Amino acid sequence: MFSNLLVLKSSPMSIEIGIVGATGIVGSEFILLLEERKLPVANLRLFASEKSDGRQIHLGDKSFVVEKLEKSKLKNLDYLFFCSSEEISKEFIPVAVANNICCIDNSAAFRLHRDVPLVVPEINSHALGNHKNIIANPNCSTIIALMALFPLHKRFGLSGFCVSTYQAVSGVGLSGIEALNQDIAGNFALSQDIFGEQILQNAISKIG
């Protein structure tokens, strides 16, 4: 999605980017993508919870210090990518928008808002032109399914589809991975807390 967003700002060679949830699974992967695709980032600010405050993360030959996420810090950025929880997005995105920051949200916080474009760039990148500084994306399963179904829809027309997904514990973040590791070690308390039951060698019905 990022390459499609470059056209929305007047100075793509001086883009200031922030990542909320920079030390989580999605945030860490996003940082790797920035390096892999060599995007023209003039400055990168990384935000996370207090426990990650001061941690250093390397991108290419540069090192960036993780900052504790605070509303007062959400200024002087072109784009802010939210790779955290729905609750965090609901609390902090309005602050960033008020400071004229374009927010791209990976959570479900704004997916069903009528005035927020829900975008898969390969399918409806034209919707980016109508954003009001908030852009949502579908969840990972939906994006993957739509990439295959959209060409069929264009050719034949689809009125609907039904999908069952089987997702990894990492879908809930680092805590899900730790819960599985704890199960393997014979300690099921964390797994019970996060999933409601043992997750090791198990599949559970859990939506939302």
N, C-alpha and C. Protein backbone atom coordinates (compact mmCIF):
# COMPACT_ATOMS: atom_id res chain seq x y z
N MET A 1 0.82 -1.20 0.00
CA MET A 1 0.00 0.00 0.00
C MET A 1 0.86 1.26 0.00
N PHE A 2 2.03 1.20 0.60
CA PHE A 2 2.81 2.42 0.80
C PHE A 2 3.17 3.09 -0.52
N SER A 3 3.58 2.30 -1.51
CA SER A 3 3.98 2.91 -2.78
C SER A 3 2.84 3.68 -3.41
N ASN A 4 1.59 3.23 -3.21
CA ASN A 4 0.43 3.94 -3.74
C ASN A 4 0.20 5.25 -3.01
N LEU A 5 0.64 5.33 -1.76
CA LEU A 5 0.41 6.52 -0.95
C LEU A 5 1.37 7.65 -1.29
N LEU A 6 2.48 7.34 -1.92
CA LEU A 6 3.48 8.36 -2.18
C LEU A 6 2.93 9.51 -3.02
N VAL A 7 1.97 9.22 -3.87
CA VAL A 7 1.42 10.26 -4.74
C VAL A 7 0.55 11.24 -3.96
N LEU A 8 0.21 10.92 -2.72
CA LEU A 8 -0.70 11.77 -1.97
C LEU A 8 0.01 12.91 -1.26
N LYS A 9 1.33 12.86 -1.18
CA LYS A 9 2.10 13.93 -0.55
C LYS A 9 2.95 14.62 -1.61
N SER A 10 3.23 15.87 -1.41
CA SER A 10 3.88 16.66 -2.45
C SER A 10 5.39 16.41 -2.53
N SER A 11 6.02 15.92 -1.45
CA SER A 11 7.47 15.76 -1.45
C SER A 11 7.86 14.33 -1.07
N PRO A 12 7.72 13.38 -2.00
CA PRO A 12 7.97 11.98 -1.68
C PRO A 12 9.40 11.68 -1.25
N MET A 13 10.34 12.57 -1.55
CA MET A 13 11.72 12.31 -1.16
C MET A 13 12.01 12.76 0.27
N SER A 14 11.03 13.36 0.94
CA SER A 14 11.26 13.80 2.30
C SER A 14 10.14 13.33 3.22
N ILE A 15 9.74 12.09 3.04
CA ILE A 15 8.61 11.55 3.78
C ILE A 15 9.02 11.19 5.21
N GLU A 16 8.19 11.63 6.14
CA GLU A 16 8.39 11.33 7.56
C GLU A 16 7.36 10.26 7.96
N ILE A 17 7.86 9.12 8.42
CA ILE A 17 6.99 7.99 8.72
C ILE A 17 7.07 7.63 10.20
N GLY A 18 5.94 7.23 10.76
CA GLY A 18 5.90 6.68 12.10
C GLY A 18 5.24 5.32 12.09
N ILE A 19 5.65 4.44 13.00
CA ILE A 19 5.04 3.12 13.13
C ILE A 19 4.62 2.93 14.58
N VAL A 20 3.34 2.69 14.80
CA VAL A 20 2.83 2.38 16.13
C VAL A 20 2.77 0.87 16.28
N GLY A 21 3.36 0.37 17.35
CA GLY A 21 3.48 -1.09 17.51
C GLY A 21 4.71 -1.62 16.81
N ALA A 22 5.77 -0.82 16.83
CA ALA A 22 6.97 -1.13 16.06
C ALA A 22 7.71 -2.37 16.52
N THR A 23 7.53 -2.78 17.78
CA THR A 23 8.27 -3.94 18.29
C THR A 23 7.44 -5.22 18.26
N GLY A 24 6.19 -5.14 17.78
CA GLY A 24 5.36 -6.32 17.66
C GLY A 24 5.64 -7.08 16.38
N ILE A 25 4.88 -8.14 16.15
CA ILE A 25 5.11 -8.99 14.97
C ILE A 25 4.88 -8.20 13.68
N VAL A 26 3.75 -7.51 13.58
CA VAL A 26 3.42 -6.78 12.36
C VAL A 26 4.36 -5.60 12.17
N GLY A 27 4.61 -4.85 13.25
CA GLY A 27 5.51 -3.71 13.16
C GLY A 27 6.91 -4.10 12.74
N SER A 28 7.40 -5.19 13.30
CA SER A 28 8.75 -5.66 12.95
C SER A 28 8.83 -6.06 11.49
N GLU A 29 7.78 -6.70 11.00
CA GLU A 29 7.75 -7.10 9.60
C GLU A 29 7.68 -5.87 8.70
N PHE A 30 6.96 -4.87 9.14
CA PHE A 30 6.85 -3.64 8.35
C PHE A 30 8.21 -2.96 8.21
N ILE A 31 8.98 -2.95 9.28
CA ILE A 31 10.32 -2.36 9.23
C ILE A 31 11.19 -3.11 8.23
N LEU A 32 11.07 -4.43 8.21
CA LEU A 32 11.83 -5.23 7.24
C LEU A 32 11.41 -4.89 5.81
N LEU A 33 10.13 -4.63 5.60
CA LEU A 33 9.66 -4.27 4.27
C LEU A 33 10.20 -2.91 3.84
N LEU A 34 10.28 -1.98 4.77
CA LEU A 34 10.86 -0.67 4.45
C LEU A 34 12.28 -0.82 3.94
N GLU A 35 13.04 -1.70 4.60
CA GLU A 35 14.43 -1.90 4.19
C GLU A 35 14.51 -2.65 2.87
N GLU A 36 13.68 -3.67 2.73
CA GLU A 36 13.71 -4.50 1.52
C GLU A 36 13.36 -3.70 0.27
N ARG A 37 12.37 -2.82 0.40
CA ARG A 37 11.88 -2.08 -0.76
C ARG A 37 12.58 -0.74 -0.96
N LYS A 38 13.47 -0.40 -0.02
CA LYS A 38 14.27 0.83 -0.13
C LYS A 38 13.39 2.04 -0.43
N LEU A 39 12.35 2.19 0.36
CA LEU A 39 11.44 3.31 0.17
C LEU A 39 12.09 4.62 0.63
N PRO A 40 11.72 5.72 0.01
CA PRO A 40 12.37 7.00 0.29
C PRO A 40 11.91 7.62 1.62
N VAL A 41 12.43 7.10 2.71
CA VAL A 41 12.06 7.56 4.04
C VAL A 41 13.12 8.53 4.56
N ALA A 42 12.71 9.76 4.81
CA ALA A 42 13.65 10.76 5.33
C ALA A 42 13.85 10.58 6.82
N ASN A 43 12.80 10.20 7.51
CA ASN A 43 12.89 10.00 8.96
C ASN A 43 11.89 8.95 9.38
N LEU A 44 12.26 8.15 10.35
CA LEU A 44 11.41 7.07 10.84
C LEU A 44 11.31 7.17 12.35
N ARG A 45 10.08 7.23 12.85
CA ARG A 45 9.86 7.26 14.29
C ARG A 45 9.10 6.01 14.69
N LEU A 46 9.57 5.35 15.71
CA LEU A 46 9.03 4.07 16.14
C LEU A 46 8.38 4.23 17.50
N PHE A 47 7.12 3.79 17.60
CA PHE A 47 6.38 3.91 18.85
C PHE A 47 5.94 2.53 19.34
N ALA A 48 5.98 2.36 20.65
CA ALA A 48 5.55 1.09 21.25
C ALA A 48 5.16 1.36 22.70
N SER A 49 4.93 0.31 23.45
CA SER A 49 4.55 0.45 24.85
C SER A 49 5.77 0.85 25.69
N GLU A 50 5.50 1.16 26.93
CA GLU A 50 6.56 1.65 27.83
C GLU A 50 7.69 0.64 27.99
N LYS A 51 7.38 -0.65 27.93
CA LYS A 51 8.41 -1.66 28.15
C LYS A 51 9.45 -1.69 27.02
N SER A 52 9.11 -1.12 25.87
CA SER A 52 10.06 -1.07 24.74
C SER A 52 10.73 0.29 24.61
N ASP A 53 10.40 1.22 25.49
CA ASP A 53 10.94 2.57 25.42
C ASP A 53 12.46 2.56 25.50
N GLY A 54 13.13 3.19 24.53
CA GLY A 54 14.58 3.24 24.53
C GLY A 54 15.26 2.13 23.76
N ARG A 55 14.52 1.14 23.35
CA ARG A 55 15.10 0.03 22.58
C ARG A 55 15.57 0.54 21.22
N GLN A 56 16.67 0.02 20.71
CA GLN A 56 17.19 0.43 19.41
C GLN A 56 16.84 -0.59 18.34
N ILE A 57 16.41 -0.10 17.19
CA ILE A 57 16.09 -0.95 16.05
C ILE A 57 16.86 -0.44 14.85
N HIS A 58 17.46 -1.35 14.12
CA HIS A 58 18.30 -0.98 12.98
C HIS A 58 17.53 -1.11 11.67
N LEU A 59 17.71 -0.13 10.82
CA LEU A 59 17.16 -0.14 9.47
C LEU A 59 18.27 0.28 8.54
N GLY A 60 18.78 -0.68 7.76
CA GLY A 60 19.95 -0.40 6.93
C GLY A 60 21.14 -0.07 7.81
N ASP A 61 21.79 1.04 7.52
CA ASP A 61 22.94 1.46 8.31
C ASP A 61 22.57 2.48 9.38
N LYS A 62 21.26 2.66 9.62
CA LYS A 62 20.81 3.61 10.63
C LYS A 62 20.21 2.88 11.82
N SER A 63 20.24 3.54 12.95
CA SER A 63 19.66 3.00 14.17
C SER A 63 18.60 3.97 14.69
N PHE A 64 17.46 3.44 15.08
CA PHE A 64 16.36 4.26 15.56
C PHE A 64 15.96 3.83 16.97
N VAL A 65 15.63 4.79 17.80
CA VAL A 65 15.26 4.52 19.17
C VAL A 65 13.74 4.47 19.29
N VAL A 66 13.23 3.42 19.90
CA VAL A 66 11.79 3.27 20.10
C VAL A 66 11.32 4.24 21.19
N GLU A 67 10.21 4.91 20.91
CA GLU A 67 9.63 5.86 21.86
C GLU A 67 8.35 5.29 22.47
N LYS A 68 8.09 5.63 23.71
CA LYS A 68 6.80 5.28 24.31
C LYS A 68 5.71 6.06 23.61
N LEU A 69 4.65 5.37 23.23
CA LEU A 69 3.54 6.01 22.51
C LEU A 69 2.81 6.98 23.43
N GLU A 70 2.82 8.25 23.04
CA GLU A 70 2.11 9.29 23.78
C GLU A 70 1.47 10.24 22.77
N LYS A 71 0.31 10.76 23.10
CA LYS A 71 -0.42 11.62 22.17
C LYS A 71 0.37 12.87 21.80
N SER A 72 1.13 13.40 22.75
CA SER A 72 1.87 14.63 22.50
C SER A 72 2.98 14.46 21.47
N LYS A 73 3.36 13.21 21.17
CA LYS A 73 4.45 12.95 20.23
C LYS A 73 3.97 12.79 18.79
N LEU A 74 2.68 12.75 18.60
CA LEU A 74 2.14 12.49 17.26
C LEU A 74 2.02 13.78 16.47
N LYS A 75 3.18 14.29 16.06
CA LYS A 75 3.27 15.53 15.31
C LYS A 75 4.37 15.41 14.24
N ASN A 76 4.30 16.27 13.24
CA ASN A 76 5.35 16.40 12.23
C ASN A 76 5.67 15.09 11.52
N LEU A 77 4.62 14.36 11.17
CA LEU A 77 4.75 13.13 10.40
C LEU A 77 3.84 13.21 9.19
N ASP A 78 4.26 12.58 8.10
CA ASP A 78 3.40 12.49 6.92
C ASP A 78 2.45 11.30 7.04
N TYR A 79 3.01 10.15 7.42
CA TYR A 79 2.23 8.92 7.51
C TYR A 79 2.51 8.23 8.84
N LEU A 80 1.46 7.67 9.42
CA LEU A 80 1.60 6.91 10.66
C LEU A 80 0.90 5.58 10.48
N PHE A 81 1.67 4.51 10.53
CA PHE A 81 1.14 3.17 10.34
C PHE A 81 0.82 2.55 11.70
N PHE A 82 -0.42 2.13 11.88
CA PHE A 82 -0.84 1.53 13.14
C PHE A 82 -0.83 0.01 13.01
N CYS A 83 0.13 -0.60 13.69
CA CYS A 83 0.31 -2.05 13.67
C CYS A 83 0.07 -2.60 15.07
N SER A 84 -1.01 -2.16 15.69
CA SER A 84 -1.28 -2.52 17.08
C SER A 84 -2.75 -2.89 17.24
N SER A 85 -3.27 -2.74 18.44
CA SER A 85 -4.63 -3.19 18.74
C SER A 85 -5.68 -2.19 18.27
N GLU A 86 -6.91 -2.67 18.22
CA GLU A 86 -8.04 -1.83 17.86
C GLU A 86 -8.21 -0.69 18.86
N GLU A 87 -7.98 -1.00 20.14
CA GLU A 87 -8.13 0.02 21.18
C GLU A 87 -7.13 1.16 21.01
N ILE A 88 -5.88 0.80 20.68
CA ILE A 88 -4.85 1.81 20.46
C ILE A 88 -5.22 2.70 19.27
N SER A 89 -5.70 2.08 18.21
CA SER A 89 -6.08 2.85 17.02
C SER A 89 -7.20 3.83 17.33
N LYS A 90 -8.20 3.38 18.05
CA LYS A 90 -9.33 4.24 18.38
C LYS A 90 -8.90 5.43 19.24
N GLU A 91 -7.92 5.21 20.10
CA GLU A 91 -7.50 6.28 21.00
C GLU A 91 -6.56 7.28 20.34
N PHE A 92 -5.63 6.78 19.51
CA PHE A 92 -4.56 7.65 19.03
C PHE A 92 -4.75 8.17 17.61
N ILE A 93 -5.49 7.47 16.77
CA ILE A 93 -5.66 7.94 15.39
C ILE A 93 -6.35 9.30 15.33
N PRO A 94 -7.41 9.56 16.10
CA PRO A 94 -8.03 10.89 16.04
C PRO A 94 -7.05 12.01 16.39
N VAL A 95 -6.12 11.75 17.31
CA VAL A 95 -5.12 12.75 17.67
C VAL A 95 -4.19 13.02 16.49
N ALA A 96 -3.74 11.96 15.85
CA ALA A 96 -2.84 12.11 14.70
C ALA A 96 -3.53 12.81 13.54
N VAL A 97 -4.78 12.46 13.29
CA VAL A 97 -5.54 13.08 12.20
C VAL A 97 -5.70 14.58 12.46
N ALA A 98 -5.92 14.94 13.70
CA ALA A 98 -6.05 16.36 14.05
C ALA A 98 -4.76 17.12 13.78
N ASN A 99 -3.63 16.40 13.77
CA ASN A 99 -2.34 17.00 13.47
C ASN A 99 -1.94 16.80 12.01
N ASN A 100 -2.95 16.51 11.17
CA ASN A 100 -2.76 16.37 9.72
C ASN A 100 -1.80 15.25 9.34
N ILE A 101 -1.86 14.14 10.06
CA ILE A 101 -1.07 12.95 9.74
C ILE A 101 -2.00 11.94 9.08
N CYS A 102 -1.57 11.39 7.97
CA CYS A 102 -2.33 10.35 7.29
C CYS A 102 -2.07 9.02 8.01
N CYS A 103 -3.13 8.40 8.52
CA CYS A 103 -3.00 7.18 9.31
C CYS A 103 -3.48 5.97 8.51
N ILE A 104 -2.65 4.94 8.45
CA ILE A 104 -3.00 3.68 7.80
C ILE A 104 -3.14 2.65 8.90
N ASP A 105 -4.36 2.14 9.07
CA ASP A 105 -4.68 1.30 10.22
C ASP A 105 -4.80 -0.16 9.84
N ASN A 106 -4.07 -0.99 10.57
CA ASN A 106 -4.08 -2.43 10.32
C ASN A 106 -5.08 -3.16 11.21
N SER A 107 -5.71 -2.44 12.14
CA SER A 107 -6.68 -3.07 13.04
C SER A 107 -8.08 -2.99 12.43
N ALA A 108 -9.06 -3.47 13.19
CA ALA A 108 -10.45 -3.44 12.72
C ALA A 108 -11.17 -2.17 13.14
N ALA A 109 -10.46 -1.22 13.73
CA ALA A 109 -11.11 -0.06 14.35
C ALA A 109 -11.96 0.75 13.39
N PHE A 110 -11.50 0.93 12.14
CA PHE A 110 -12.21 1.82 11.21
C PHE A 110 -12.68 1.11 9.95
N ARG A 111 -12.62 -0.22 9.93
CA ARG A 111 -12.94 -0.95 8.71
C ARG A 111 -14.38 -0.78 8.24
N LEU A 112 -15.30 -0.58 9.18
CA LEU A 112 -16.71 -0.48 8.81
C LEU A 112 -17.23 0.95 8.83
N HIS A 113 -16.33 1.93 8.96
CA HIS A 113 -16.75 3.32 8.91
C HIS A 113 -17.03 3.73 7.46
N ARG A 114 -18.18 4.31 7.22
CA ARG A 114 -18.59 4.64 5.85
C ARG A 114 -17.68 5.67 5.19
N ASP A 115 -17.08 6.56 5.99
CA ASP A 115 -16.25 7.62 5.41
C ASP A 115 -14.76 7.28 5.42
N VAL A 116 -14.42 6.02 5.74
CA VAL A 116 -13.02 5.59 5.74
C VAL A 116 -12.82 4.56 4.62
N PRO A 117 -11.97 4.84 3.64
CA PRO A 117 -11.76 3.86 2.56
C PRO A 117 -11.10 2.59 3.07
N LEU A 118 -11.65 1.46 2.67
CA LEU A 118 -11.11 0.14 2.99
C LEU A 118 -10.39 -0.35 1.74
N VAL A 119 -9.06 -0.43 1.80
CA VAL A 119 -8.26 -0.50 0.57
C VAL A 119 -7.38 -1.74 0.49
N VAL A 120 -7.45 -2.39 -0.64
CA VAL A 120 -6.44 -3.34 -1.10
C VAL A 120 -5.88 -2.72 -2.38
N PRO A 121 -4.67 -2.18 -2.36
CA PRO A 121 -4.18 -1.36 -3.47
C PRO A 121 -4.30 -2.00 -4.85
N GLU A 122 -4.08 -3.31 -4.94
CA GLU A 122 -4.16 -3.98 -6.24
C GLU A 122 -5.58 -4.03 -6.78
N ILE A 123 -6.56 -3.75 -5.92
CA ILE A 123 -7.96 -3.86 -6.31
C ILE A 123 -8.64 -2.50 -6.40
N ASN A 124 -8.49 -1.66 -5.39
CA ASN A 124 -9.22 -0.38 -5.39
C ASN A 124 -8.35 0.78 -4.91
N SER A 125 -7.16 0.89 -5.47
CA SER A 125 -6.26 1.98 -5.08
C SER A 125 -6.86 3.35 -5.38
N HIS A 126 -7.82 3.41 -6.29
CA HIS A 126 -8.47 4.68 -6.60
C HIS A 126 -9.17 5.28 -5.37
N ALA A 127 -9.53 4.41 -4.41
CA ALA A 127 -10.21 4.88 -3.20
C ALA A 127 -9.30 5.71 -2.30
N LEU A 128 -7.99 5.61 -2.52
CA LEU A 128 -7.06 6.38 -1.70
C LEU A 128 -7.24 7.89 -1.87
N GLY A 129 -7.74 8.29 -3.02
CA GLY A 129 -7.91 9.72 -3.26
C GLY A 129 -9.03 10.35 -2.46
N ASN A 130 -9.86 9.52 -1.81
CA ASN A 130 -11.00 10.05 -1.07
C ASN A 130 -10.83 9.97 0.44
N HIS A 131 -9.63 9.68 0.90
CA HIS A 131 -9.44 9.51 2.34
C HIS A 131 -9.45 10.85 3.06
N LYS A 132 -9.77 10.79 4.34
CA LYS A 132 -9.73 11.98 5.20
C LYS A 132 -8.70 11.75 6.30
N ASN A 133 -7.53 11.34 5.86
CA ASN A 133 -6.39 11.06 6.73
C ASN A 133 -6.53 9.77 7.55
N ILE A 134 -7.51 8.92 7.19
CA ILE A 134 -7.59 7.57 7.76
C ILE A 134 -7.83 6.60 6.62
N ILE A 135 -6.98 5.57 6.55
CA ILE A 135 -7.12 4.52 5.55
C ILE A 135 -7.09 3.19 6.28
N ALA A 136 -8.09 2.35 6.02
CA ALA A 136 -8.14 1.03 6.66
C ALA A 136 -7.80 -0.05 5.64
N ASN A 137 -7.37 -1.19 6.14
CA ASN A 137 -7.18 -2.34 5.26
C ASN A 137 -7.89 -3.55 5.85
N PRO A 138 -8.36 -4.46 5.00
CA PRO A 138 -9.01 -5.67 5.51
C PRO A 138 -8.01 -6.54 6.27
N ASN A 139 -8.51 -7.57 6.95
CA ASN A 139 -7.57 -8.45 7.63
C ASN A 139 -6.84 -9.33 6.61
N CYS A 140 -5.82 -10.02 7.10
CA CYS A 140 -4.92 -10.75 6.20
C CYS A 140 -5.65 -11.81 5.38
N SER A 141 -6.57 -12.53 6.00
CA SER A 141 -7.29 -13.59 5.28
C SER A 141 -8.13 -13.01 4.16
N THR A 142 -8.77 -11.89 4.42
CA THR A 142 -9.61 -11.25 3.41
C THR A 142 -8.78 -10.76 2.23
N ILE A 143 -7.65 -10.13 2.53
CA ILE A 143 -6.79 -9.63 1.46
C ILE A 143 -6.34 -10.75 0.54
N ILE A 144 -5.87 -11.84 1.14
CA ILE A 144 -5.39 -12.98 0.34
C ILE A 144 -6.51 -13.55 -0.52
N ALA A 145 -7.69 -13.71 0.08
CA ALA A 145 -8.82 -14.27 -0.67
C ALA A 145 -9.22 -13.35 -1.82
N LEU A 146 -9.26 -12.04 -1.55
CA LEU A 146 -9.70 -11.11 -2.58
C LEU A 146 -8.73 -11.02 -3.76
N MET A 147 -7.44 -11.20 -3.48
CA MET A 147 -6.47 -11.16 -4.57
C MET A 147 -6.75 -12.26 -5.59
N ALA A 148 -7.25 -13.38 -5.12
CA ALA A 148 -7.59 -14.48 -6.03
C ALA A 148 -8.99 -14.31 -6.63
N LEU A 149 -9.91 -13.77 -5.83
CA LEU A 149 -11.30 -13.70 -6.26
C LEU A 149 -11.60 -12.50 -7.16
N PHE A 150 -10.84 -11.41 -7.00
CA PHE A 150 -11.15 -10.20 -7.77
C PHE A 150 -11.08 -10.43 -9.28
N PRO A 151 -10.06 -11.11 -9.81
CA PRO A 151 -10.05 -11.37 -11.26
C PRO A 151 -11.26 -12.20 -11.70
N LEU A 152 -11.71 -13.13 -10.85
CA LEU A 152 -12.90 -13.93 -11.18
C LEU A 152 -14.14 -13.04 -11.17
N HIS A 153 -14.18 -12.13 -10.22
CA HIS A 153 -15.32 -11.21 -10.14
C HIS A 153 -15.39 -10.32 -11.39
N LYS A 154 -14.23 -9.83 -11.83
CA LYS A 154 -14.21 -8.98 -13.03
C LYS A 154 -14.65 -9.76 -14.27
N ARG A 155 -14.28 -11.04 -14.30
CA ARG A 155 -14.59 -11.84 -15.50
C ARG A 155 -16.01 -12.39 -15.48
N PHE A 156 -16.45 -12.87 -14.32
CA PHE A 156 -17.73 -13.57 -14.28
C PHE A 156 -18.77 -12.91 -13.38
N GLY A 157 -18.29 -12.14 -12.37
CA GLY A 157 -19.21 -11.54 -11.40
C GLY A 157 -19.45 -12.48 -10.22
N LEU A 158 -19.25 -11.98 -9.02
CA LEU A 158 -19.49 -12.76 -7.81
C LEU A 158 -20.47 -12.00 -6.93
N SER A 159 -21.44 -12.71 -6.39
CA SER A 159 -22.40 -12.07 -5.49
C SER A 159 -22.02 -12.30 -4.03
N GLY A 160 -21.16 -13.28 -3.77
CA GLY A 160 -20.72 -13.55 -2.41
C GLY A 160 -19.83 -14.77 -2.37
N PHE A 161 -19.20 -14.99 -1.24
CA PHE A 161 -18.39 -16.20 -1.07
C PHE A 161 -18.28 -16.51 0.41
N CYS A 162 -18.04 -17.77 0.71
CA CYS A 162 -17.93 -18.24 2.10
C CYS A 162 -16.55 -18.84 2.30
N VAL A 163 -15.89 -18.42 3.34
CA VAL A 163 -14.50 -18.85 3.58
C VAL A 163 -14.33 -19.30 5.03
N SER A 164 -13.62 -20.38 5.23
CA SER A 164 -13.18 -20.79 6.56
C SER A 164 -11.67 -20.63 6.63
N THR A 165 -11.17 -20.01 7.68
CA THR A 165 -9.73 -19.81 7.81
C THR A 165 -9.21 -20.50 9.06
N TYR A 166 -7.97 -20.97 8.95
CA TYR A 166 -7.30 -21.62 10.07
C TYR A 166 -6.00 -20.85 10.31
N GLN A 167 -5.96 -20.13 11.42
CA GLN A 167 -4.91 -19.15 11.61
C GLN A 167 -3.96 -19.53 12.74
N ALA A 168 -2.74 -19.04 12.63
CA ALA A 168 -1.69 -19.34 13.60
C ALA A 168 -1.89 -18.55 14.89
N VAL A 169 -1.26 -19.02 15.96
CA VAL A 169 -1.34 -18.30 17.24
C VAL A 169 -0.74 -16.91 17.13
N SER A 170 0.14 -16.70 16.16
CA SER A 170 0.76 -15.38 15.99
C SER A 170 -0.25 -14.33 15.59
N GLY A 171 -1.46 -14.74 15.22
CA GLY A 171 -2.49 -13.79 14.86
C GLY A 171 -2.86 -12.85 15.98
N VAL A 172 -2.62 -13.25 17.22
CA VAL A 172 -2.89 -12.36 18.35
C VAL A 172 -1.64 -11.62 18.80
N GLY A 173 -0.53 -11.83 18.08
CA GLY A 173 0.70 -11.12 18.42
C GLY A 173 1.70 -11.99 19.16
N LEU A 174 2.71 -11.33 19.72
CA LEU A 174 3.78 -12.04 20.42
C LEU A 174 3.26 -12.85 21.60
N SER A 175 2.19 -12.38 22.23
CA SER A 175 1.64 -13.10 23.38
C SER A 175 1.12 -14.47 22.98
N GLY A 176 0.59 -14.61 21.76
CA GLY A 176 0.13 -15.90 21.28
C GLY A 176 1.26 -16.89 21.10
N ILE A 177 2.38 -16.41 20.58
CA ILE A 177 3.56 -17.26 20.41
C ILE A 177 4.09 -17.70 21.76
N GLU A 178 4.14 -16.75 22.70
CA GLU A 178 4.63 -17.07 24.04
C GLU A 178 3.70 -18.07 24.72
N ALA A 179 2.40 -17.93 24.51
CA ALA A 179 1.45 -18.88 25.09
C ALA A 179 1.69 -20.29 24.58
N LEU A 180 1.95 -20.42 23.29
CA LEU A 180 2.24 -21.74 22.72
C LEU A 180 3.53 -22.30 23.30
N ASN A 181 4.55 -21.46 23.41
CA ASN A 181 5.81 -21.90 24.00
C ASN A 181 5.63 -22.35 25.44
N GLN A 182 4.78 -21.63 26.18
CA GLN A 182 4.51 -22.01 27.57
C GLN A 182 3.77 -23.35 27.63
N ASP A 183 2.84 -23.57 26.70
CA ASP A 183 2.15 -24.86 26.63
C ASP A 183 3.14 -25.99 26.41
N ILE A 184 4.07 -25.77 25.48
CA ILE A 184 5.07 -26.80 25.19
C ILE A 184 5.89 -27.12 26.43
N ALA A 185 6.14 -26.10 27.26
CA ALA A 185 6.90 -26.28 28.49
C ALA A 185 6.06 -26.86 29.63
N GLY A 186 4.76 -27.05 29.38
CA GLY A 186 3.89 -27.64 30.39
C GLY A 186 3.18 -26.64 31.29
N ASN A 187 3.30 -25.34 30.96
CA ASN A 187 2.63 -24.31 31.74
C ASN A 187 1.48 -23.73 30.91
N PHE A 188 0.24 -24.02 31.29
CA PHE A 188 -0.91 -23.68 30.46
C PHE A 188 -1.66 -22.43 30.91
N ALA A 189 -1.12 -21.73 31.90
CA ALA A 189 -1.82 -20.58 32.46
C ALA A 189 -1.99 -19.45 31.43
N LEU A 190 -0.92 -19.12 30.72
CA LEU A 190 -0.98 -18.02 29.75
C LEU A 190 -1.91 -18.38 28.60
N SER A 191 -1.85 -19.62 28.15
CA SER A 191 -2.73 -20.08 27.08
C SER A 191 -4.19 -19.96 27.49
N GLN A 192 -4.49 -20.33 28.73
CA GLN A 192 -5.85 -20.20 29.24
C GLN A 192 -6.29 -18.74 29.26
N ASP A 193 -5.36 -17.87 29.63
CA ASP A 193 -5.68 -16.45 29.75
C ASP A 193 -5.97 -15.83 28.39
N ILE A 194 -5.19 -16.20 27.36
CA ILE A 194 -5.31 -15.58 26.04
C ILE A 194 -6.37 -16.26 25.18
N PHE A 195 -6.37 -17.59 25.17
CA PHE A 195 -7.27 -18.32 24.27
C PHE A 195 -8.47 -18.95 24.97
N GLY A 196 -8.44 -18.98 26.30
CA GLY A 196 -9.53 -19.61 27.03
C GLY A 196 -9.36 -21.09 27.24
N GLU A 197 -8.32 -21.67 26.65
CA GLU A 197 -8.01 -23.09 26.80
C GLU A 197 -6.62 -23.37 26.26
N GLN A 198 -6.16 -24.59 26.47
CA GLN A 198 -4.85 -24.99 25.95
C GLN A 198 -4.85 -24.86 24.44
N ILE A 199 -3.78 -24.26 23.90
CA ILE A 199 -3.69 -24.09 22.46
C ILE A 199 -2.77 -25.11 21.81
N LEU A 200 -1.89 -25.73 22.57
CA LEU A 200 -0.97 -26.74 22.03
C LEU A 200 -1.75 -27.92 21.47
N GLN A 201 -1.48 -28.27 20.22
CA GLN A 201 -2.14 -29.38 19.52
C GLN A 201 -3.66 -29.23 19.56
N ASN A 202 -4.11 -28.01 19.38
CA ASN A 202 -5.53 -27.73 19.48
C ASN A 202 -5.94 -26.74 18.40
N ALA A 203 -7.22 -26.76 18.05
CA ALA A 203 -7.81 -25.75 17.16
C ALA A 203 -9.10 -25.31 17.83
N ILE A 204 -9.28 -24.01 17.94
CA ILE A 204 -10.46 -23.49 18.64
C ILE A 204 -11.24 -22.57 17.73
N SER A 205 -12.53 -22.48 17.99
CA SER A 205 -13.40 -21.57 17.22
C SER A 205 -13.34 -20.20 17.88
N LYS A 206 -12.73 -19.23 17.20
CA LYS A 206 -12.55 -17.91 17.80
C LYS A 206 -12.58 -16.87 16.68
N ILE A 207 -13.53 -15.96 16.77
CA ILE A 207 -13.66 -14.92 15.76
C ILE A 207 -13.70 -13.57 16.44
N GLY A 208 -12.93 -12.59 15.89
CA GLY A 208 -12.98 -11.25 16.41
C GLY A 208 -12.21 -11.10 17.70
